Amino acid sequence: MTDQNARREPSAAEKMFGDFAPALVHFTDDVLFGEVWQRTELTPKERSLVTVAALATAGNTDQLVFHLGLARENGNTEAELIEALTHLAFYAGWPRAMAAMAVAKNVFAA
């Protein structure tokens, strides 16, 4: 282990699943966030908006908490995210949009 690796903060996936599911940590950190999220065909802002829409559409509100925060870090405004979730009500279904909006309200209030 290099000095750089010894000093780095563990990722969220590593904190949650470290020794329990090391392969999932690897795929999350190295493949998803290390490769997929680094592709240049979409900006981080666009990638975040797509991810928020996919999570809201699928009803994955637990993951939505993290990704709404990341979406803001990547340049999406609260107004843009609220508008996207409102728009999804007509495509993903009212209950899923309402559930996602409740998560967004809590995330934005924090």
N, C-alpha and C. Protein backbone atom coordinates (compact mmCIF):
# COMPACT_ATOMS: atom_id res chain seq x y z
N MET A 1 0.85 -1.18 0.00
CA MET A 1 0.00 0.00 0.00
C MET A 1 0.89 1.23 0.00
N THR A 2 0.60 2.18 -0.89
CA THR A 2 1.40 3.40 -0.94
C THR A 2 0.96 4.35 0.15
N ASP A 3 1.81 5.35 0.40
CA ASP A 3 1.46 6.36 1.40
C ASP A 3 0.17 7.07 1.02
N GLN A 4 -0.04 7.32 -0.28
CA GLN A 4 -1.25 7.99 -0.73
C GLN A 4 -2.48 7.16 -0.39
N ASN A 5 -2.46 5.86 -0.65
CA ASN A 5 -3.59 5.00 -0.33
C ASN A 5 -3.82 4.89 1.17
N ALA A 6 -2.75 4.92 1.94
CA ALA A 6 -2.87 4.80 3.39
C ALA A 6 -3.56 6.01 3.99
N ARG A 7 -3.44 7.17 3.37
CA ARG A 7 -3.99 8.40 3.92
C ARG A 7 -5.37 8.76 3.39
N ARG A 8 -5.81 8.14 2.31
CA ARG A 8 -7.08 8.54 1.72
C ARG A 8 -8.24 8.12 2.61
N GLU A 9 -9.27 8.91 2.55
CA GLU A 9 -10.51 8.64 3.29
C GLU A 9 -11.25 7.50 2.59
N PRO A 10 -11.77 6.52 3.32
CA PRO A 10 -12.54 5.46 2.68
C PRO A 10 -13.78 6.03 1.99
N SER A 11 -14.14 5.44 0.86
CA SER A 11 -15.33 5.87 0.13
C SER A 11 -16.58 5.50 0.93
N ALA A 12 -17.71 6.05 0.52
CA ALA A 12 -18.98 5.71 1.17
C ALA A 12 -19.27 4.22 1.04
N ALA A 13 -19.00 3.67 -0.15
CA ALA A 13 -19.23 2.23 -0.35
C ALA A 13 -18.31 1.41 0.55
N GLU A 14 -17.08 1.86 0.68
CA GLU A 14 -16.12 1.15 1.54
C GLU A 14 -16.55 1.20 3.01
N LYS A 15 -17.05 2.36 3.43
CA LYS A 15 -17.53 2.49 4.81
C LYS A 15 -18.72 1.57 5.06
N MET A 16 -19.62 1.47 4.08
CA MET A 16 -20.83 0.67 4.25
C MET A 16 -20.57 -0.83 4.13
N PHE A 17 -19.72 -1.22 3.17
CA PHE A 17 -19.62 -2.64 2.83
C PHE A 17 -18.20 -3.20 2.83
N GLY A 18 -17.20 -2.38 3.12
CA GLY A 18 -15.79 -2.76 3.11
C GLY A 18 -15.46 -4.24 3.07
N ASP A 19 -15.34 -4.87 4.23
CA ASP A 19 -14.97 -6.28 4.30
C ASP A 19 -16.13 -7.21 3.96
N PHE A 20 -17.36 -6.72 4.06
CA PHE A 20 -18.54 -7.54 3.83
C PHE A 20 -18.73 -7.86 2.35
N ALA A 21 -18.56 -6.86 1.48
CA ALA A 21 -18.78 -7.05 0.04
C ALA A 21 -17.71 -6.28 -0.75
N PRO A 22 -16.46 -6.72 -0.67
CA PRO A 22 -15.38 -5.98 -1.32
C PRO A 22 -15.53 -5.87 -2.84
N ALA A 23 -16.12 -6.86 -3.49
CA ALA A 23 -16.31 -6.77 -4.94
C ALA A 23 -17.27 -5.64 -5.29
N LEU A 24 -18.35 -5.50 -4.51
CA LEU A 24 -19.31 -4.41 -4.76
C LEU A 24 -18.63 -3.06 -4.55
N VAL A 25 -17.79 -2.96 -3.54
CA VAL A 25 -17.03 -1.72 -3.29
C VAL A 25 -16.14 -1.42 -4.50
N HIS A 26 -15.44 -2.42 -4.98
CA HIS A 26 -14.57 -2.25 -6.16
C HIS A 26 -15.38 -1.76 -7.36
N PHE A 27 -16.49 -2.43 -7.66
CA PHE A 27 -17.28 -2.03 -8.82
C PHE A 27 -17.85 -0.62 -8.66
N THR A 28 -18.25 -0.28 -7.45
CA THR A 28 -18.79 1.05 -7.19
C THR A 28 -17.72 2.12 -7.35
N ASP A 29 -16.60 1.92 -6.67
CA ASP A 29 -15.55 2.94 -6.64
C ASP A 29 -14.73 3.00 -7.93
N ASP A 30 -14.32 1.84 -8.41
CA ASP A 30 -13.40 1.81 -9.54
C ASP A 30 -14.09 1.80 -10.90
N VAL A 31 -15.19 1.09 -11.03
CA VAL A 31 -15.85 1.00 -12.32
C VAL A 31 -16.89 2.12 -12.46
N LEU A 32 -17.88 2.15 -11.57
CA LEU A 32 -18.94 3.15 -11.70
C LEU A 32 -18.41 4.58 -11.59
N PHE A 33 -17.81 4.90 -10.43
CA PHE A 33 -17.35 6.28 -10.24
C PHE A 33 -15.96 6.52 -10.83
N GLY A 34 -15.17 5.46 -10.99
CA GLY A 34 -13.84 5.61 -11.53
C GLY A 34 -13.78 5.63 -13.05
N GLU A 35 -14.70 4.91 -13.70
CA GLU A 35 -14.70 4.86 -15.16
C GLU A 35 -15.95 5.46 -15.78
N VAL A 36 -17.12 4.96 -15.41
CA VAL A 36 -18.36 5.40 -16.05
C VAL A 36 -18.58 6.89 -15.84
N TRP A 37 -18.48 7.35 -14.60
CA TRP A 37 -18.73 8.76 -14.31
C TRP A 37 -17.66 9.68 -14.90
N GLN A 38 -16.53 9.13 -15.31
CA GLN A 38 -15.45 9.95 -15.88
C GLN A 38 -15.52 10.06 -17.40
N ARG A 39 -16.43 9.35 -18.02
CA ARG A 39 -16.55 9.43 -19.47
C ARG A 39 -16.93 10.86 -19.86
N THR A 40 -16.44 11.31 -21.00
CA THR A 40 -16.59 12.72 -21.38
C THR A 40 -17.79 13.00 -22.28
N GLU A 41 -18.52 11.96 -22.68
CA GLU A 41 -19.65 12.19 -23.59
C GLU A 41 -20.79 12.96 -22.92
N LEU A 42 -20.91 12.87 -21.61
CA LEU A 42 -21.86 13.69 -20.84
C LEU A 42 -21.07 14.45 -19.79
N THR A 43 -21.52 15.66 -19.48
CA THR A 43 -20.89 16.41 -18.40
C THR A 43 -21.33 15.80 -17.06
N PRO A 44 -20.60 16.06 -16.00
CA PRO A 44 -21.06 15.59 -14.69
C PRO A 44 -22.46 16.10 -14.35
N LYS A 45 -22.79 17.33 -14.75
CA LYS A 45 -24.12 17.88 -14.49
C LYS A 45 -25.17 17.05 -15.21
N GLU A 46 -24.94 16.76 -16.49
CA GLU A 46 -25.89 15.96 -17.27
C GLU A 46 -26.00 14.54 -16.70
N ARG A 47 -24.86 13.95 -16.36
CA ARG A 47 -24.85 12.60 -15.82
C ARG A 47 -25.64 12.53 -14.52
N SER A 48 -25.50 13.56 -13.68
CA SER A 48 -26.26 13.61 -12.43
C SER A 48 -27.75 13.73 -12.68
N LEU A 49 -28.14 14.56 -13.63
CA LEU A 49 -29.56 14.73 -13.92
C LEU A 49 -30.17 13.42 -14.44
N VAL A 50 -29.45 12.72 -15.30
CA VAL A 50 -29.91 11.43 -15.79
C VAL A 50 -30.03 10.44 -14.64
N THR A 51 -29.07 10.43 -13.75
CA THR A 51 -29.08 9.51 -12.62
C THR A 51 -30.24 9.80 -11.68
N VAL A 52 -30.46 11.07 -11.36
CA VAL A 52 -31.59 11.44 -10.50
C VAL A 52 -32.90 11.00 -11.15
N ALA A 53 -33.03 11.23 -12.45
CA ALA A 53 -34.26 10.83 -13.15
C ALA A 53 -34.44 9.31 -13.11
N ALA A 54 -33.37 8.57 -13.33
CA ALA A 54 -33.47 7.10 -13.31
C ALA A 54 -33.83 6.59 -11.92
N LEU A 55 -33.21 7.14 -10.90
CA LEU A 55 -33.50 6.70 -9.53
C LEU A 55 -34.93 7.04 -9.14
N ALA A 56 -35.38 8.24 -9.49
CA ALA A 56 -36.75 8.64 -9.17
C ALA A 56 -37.75 7.76 -9.91
N THR A 57 -37.49 7.49 -11.17
CA THR A 57 -38.38 6.67 -11.98
C THR A 57 -38.50 5.26 -11.43
N ALA A 58 -37.39 4.73 -10.93
CA ALA A 58 -37.39 3.37 -10.39
C ALA A 58 -37.83 3.31 -8.93
N GLY A 59 -38.03 4.48 -8.31
CA GLY A 59 -38.45 4.51 -6.92
C GLY A 59 -37.33 4.23 -5.93
N ASN A 60 -36.09 4.44 -6.33
CA ASN A 60 -34.93 4.20 -5.47
C ASN A 60 -34.59 5.42 -4.63
N THR A 61 -35.45 5.71 -3.67
CA THR A 61 -35.29 6.94 -2.90
C THR A 61 -34.09 6.91 -1.96
N ASP A 62 -33.64 5.73 -1.51
CA ASP A 62 -32.46 5.68 -0.65
C ASP A 62 -31.24 6.22 -1.39
N GLN A 63 -31.03 5.78 -2.61
CA GLN A 63 -29.90 6.25 -3.41
C GLN A 63 -30.10 7.70 -3.87
N LEU A 64 -31.34 8.13 -3.96
CA LEU A 64 -31.64 9.48 -4.40
C LEU A 64 -31.08 10.54 -3.45
N VAL A 65 -31.03 10.24 -2.17
CA VAL A 65 -30.48 11.18 -1.19
C VAL A 65 -29.06 11.57 -1.59
N PHE A 66 -28.20 10.60 -1.80
CA PHE A 66 -26.82 10.88 -2.19
C PHE A 66 -26.76 11.60 -3.53
N HIS A 67 -27.53 11.12 -4.51
CA HIS A 67 -27.39 11.65 -5.86
C HIS A 67 -27.99 13.05 -6.04
N LEU A 68 -28.95 13.42 -5.22
CA LEU A 68 -29.42 14.82 -5.26
C LEU A 68 -28.31 15.75 -4.78
N GLY A 69 -27.62 15.35 -3.73
CA GLY A 69 -26.49 16.15 -3.25
C GLY A 69 -25.38 16.23 -4.29
N LEU A 70 -25.07 15.10 -4.90
CA LEU A 70 -24.04 15.09 -5.95
C LEU A 70 -24.47 15.93 -7.14
N ALA A 71 -25.75 15.88 -7.48
CA ALA A 71 -26.26 16.68 -8.60
C ALA A 71 -26.05 18.16 -8.34
N ARG A 72 -26.27 18.59 -7.12
CA ARG A 72 -26.01 20.00 -6.79
C ARG A 72 -24.52 20.31 -6.88
N GLU A 73 -23.68 19.41 -6.37
CA GLU A 73 -22.23 19.61 -6.48
C GLU A 73 -21.80 19.68 -7.94
N ASN A 74 -22.49 18.97 -8.80
CA ASN A 74 -22.15 18.94 -10.23
C ASN A 74 -22.80 20.06 -11.02
N GLY A 75 -23.43 21.03 -10.35
CA GLY A 75 -23.93 22.22 -11.03
C GLY A 75 -25.41 22.30 -11.27
N ASN A 76 -26.17 21.28 -10.91
CA ASN A 76 -27.63 21.38 -11.04
C ASN A 76 -28.17 22.24 -9.90
N THR A 77 -29.09 23.12 -10.22
CA THR A 77 -29.71 23.94 -9.18
C THR A 77 -30.88 23.19 -8.57
N GLU A 78 -31.28 23.62 -7.41
CA GLU A 78 -32.47 23.03 -6.79
C GLU A 78 -33.67 23.21 -7.70
N ALA A 79 -33.79 24.37 -8.31
CA ALA A 79 -34.92 24.62 -9.21
C ALA A 79 -34.92 23.65 -10.39
N GLU A 80 -33.76 23.37 -10.96
CA GLU A 80 -33.68 22.43 -12.08
C GLU A 80 -34.07 21.02 -11.64
N LEU A 81 -33.61 20.62 -10.47
CA LEU A 81 -33.92 19.28 -9.97
C LEU A 81 -35.40 19.14 -9.63
N ILE A 82 -35.97 20.17 -9.03
CA ILE A 82 -37.41 20.17 -8.73
C ILE A 82 -38.21 20.09 -10.03
N GLU A 83 -37.80 20.84 -11.03
CA GLU A 83 -38.49 20.81 -12.32
C GLU A 83 -38.38 19.44 -12.98
N ALA A 84 -37.22 18.83 -12.90
CA ALA A 84 -37.04 17.49 -13.48
C ALA A 84 -37.96 16.48 -12.79
N LEU A 85 -38.04 16.54 -11.46
CA LEU A 85 -38.90 15.62 -10.73
C LEU A 85 -40.37 15.89 -11.03
N THR A 86 -40.73 17.14 -11.19
CA THR A 86 -42.11 17.48 -11.56
C THR A 86 -42.43 16.94 -12.94
N HIS A 87 -41.52 17.10 -13.86
CA HIS A 87 -41.69 16.59 -15.23
C HIS A 87 -41.86 15.07 -15.23
N LEU A 88 -41.11 14.40 -14.37
CA LEU A 88 -41.17 12.94 -14.31
C LEU A 88 -42.52 12.41 -13.84
N ALA A 89 -43.29 13.23 -13.14
CA ALA A 89 -44.60 12.78 -12.66
C ALA A 89 -45.45 12.26 -13.81
N PHE A 90 -45.28 12.85 -14.98
CA PHE A 90 -46.10 12.48 -16.13
C PHE A 90 -45.54 11.27 -16.89
N TYR A 91 -44.31 10.89 -16.60
CA TYR A 91 -43.68 9.77 -17.30
C TYR A 91 -43.38 8.59 -16.37
N ALA A 92 -43.05 8.89 -15.12
CA ALA A 92 -42.68 7.83 -14.17
C ALA A 92 -43.83 7.47 -13.24
N GLY A 93 -44.82 8.34 -13.19
CA GLY A 93 -45.96 8.10 -12.31
C GLY A 93 -45.96 9.08 -11.13
N TRP A 94 -47.16 9.46 -10.77
CA TRP A 94 -47.34 10.44 -9.70
C TRP A 94 -46.74 9.99 -8.36
N PRO A 95 -47.01 8.76 -7.91
CA PRO A 95 -46.47 8.34 -6.61
C PRO A 95 -44.94 8.39 -6.56
N ARG A 96 -44.29 7.99 -7.61
CA ARG A 96 -42.81 8.01 -7.61
C ARG A 96 -42.29 9.44 -7.63
N ALA A 97 -42.92 10.31 -8.36
CA ALA A 97 -42.50 11.70 -8.38
C ALA A 97 -42.74 12.35 -7.02
N MET A 98 -43.85 12.04 -6.39
CA MET A 98 -44.14 12.60 -5.06
C MET A 98 -43.12 12.09 -4.04
N ALA A 99 -42.78 10.80 -4.09
CA ALA A 99 -41.79 10.24 -3.17
C ALA A 99 -40.42 10.88 -3.40
N ALA A 100 -40.05 11.04 -4.66
CA ALA A 100 -38.76 11.67 -4.98
C ALA A 100 -38.75 13.13 -4.53
N MET A 101 -39.87 13.82 -4.70
CA MET A 101 -39.93 15.23 -4.29
C MET A 101 -39.83 15.35 -2.79
N ALA A 102 -40.39 14.42 -2.03
CA ALA A 102 -40.27 14.44 -0.58
C ALA A 102 -38.81 14.28 -0.17
N VAL A 103 -38.09 13.40 -0.85
CA VAL A 103 -36.66 13.23 -0.58
C VAL A 103 -35.93 14.52 -0.90
N ALA A 104 -36.22 15.10 -2.05
CA ALA A 104 -35.55 16.35 -2.45
C ALA A 104 -35.81 17.46 -1.44
N LYS A 105 -37.03 17.58 -0.97
CA LYS A 105 -37.35 18.61 0.03
C LYS A 105 -36.50 18.44 1.27
N ASN A 106 -36.34 17.21 1.73
CA ASN A 106 -35.51 16.95 2.91
C ASN A 106 -34.04 17.21 2.65
N VAL A 107 -33.55 16.79 1.49
CA VAL A 107 -32.14 17.00 1.15
C VAL A 107 -31.84 18.48 1.04
N PHE A 108 -32.71 19.22 0.39
CA PHE A 108 -32.46 20.65 0.18
C PHE A 108 -32.60 21.45 1.47
N ALA A 109 -33.41 20.96 2.40
CA ALA A 109 -33.59 21.66 3.68
C ALA A 109 -32.39 21.45 4.61
N ALA A 110 -31.65 20.38 4.38
CA ALA A 110 -30.49 20.05 5.26
C ALA A 110 -29.32 20.97 5.03
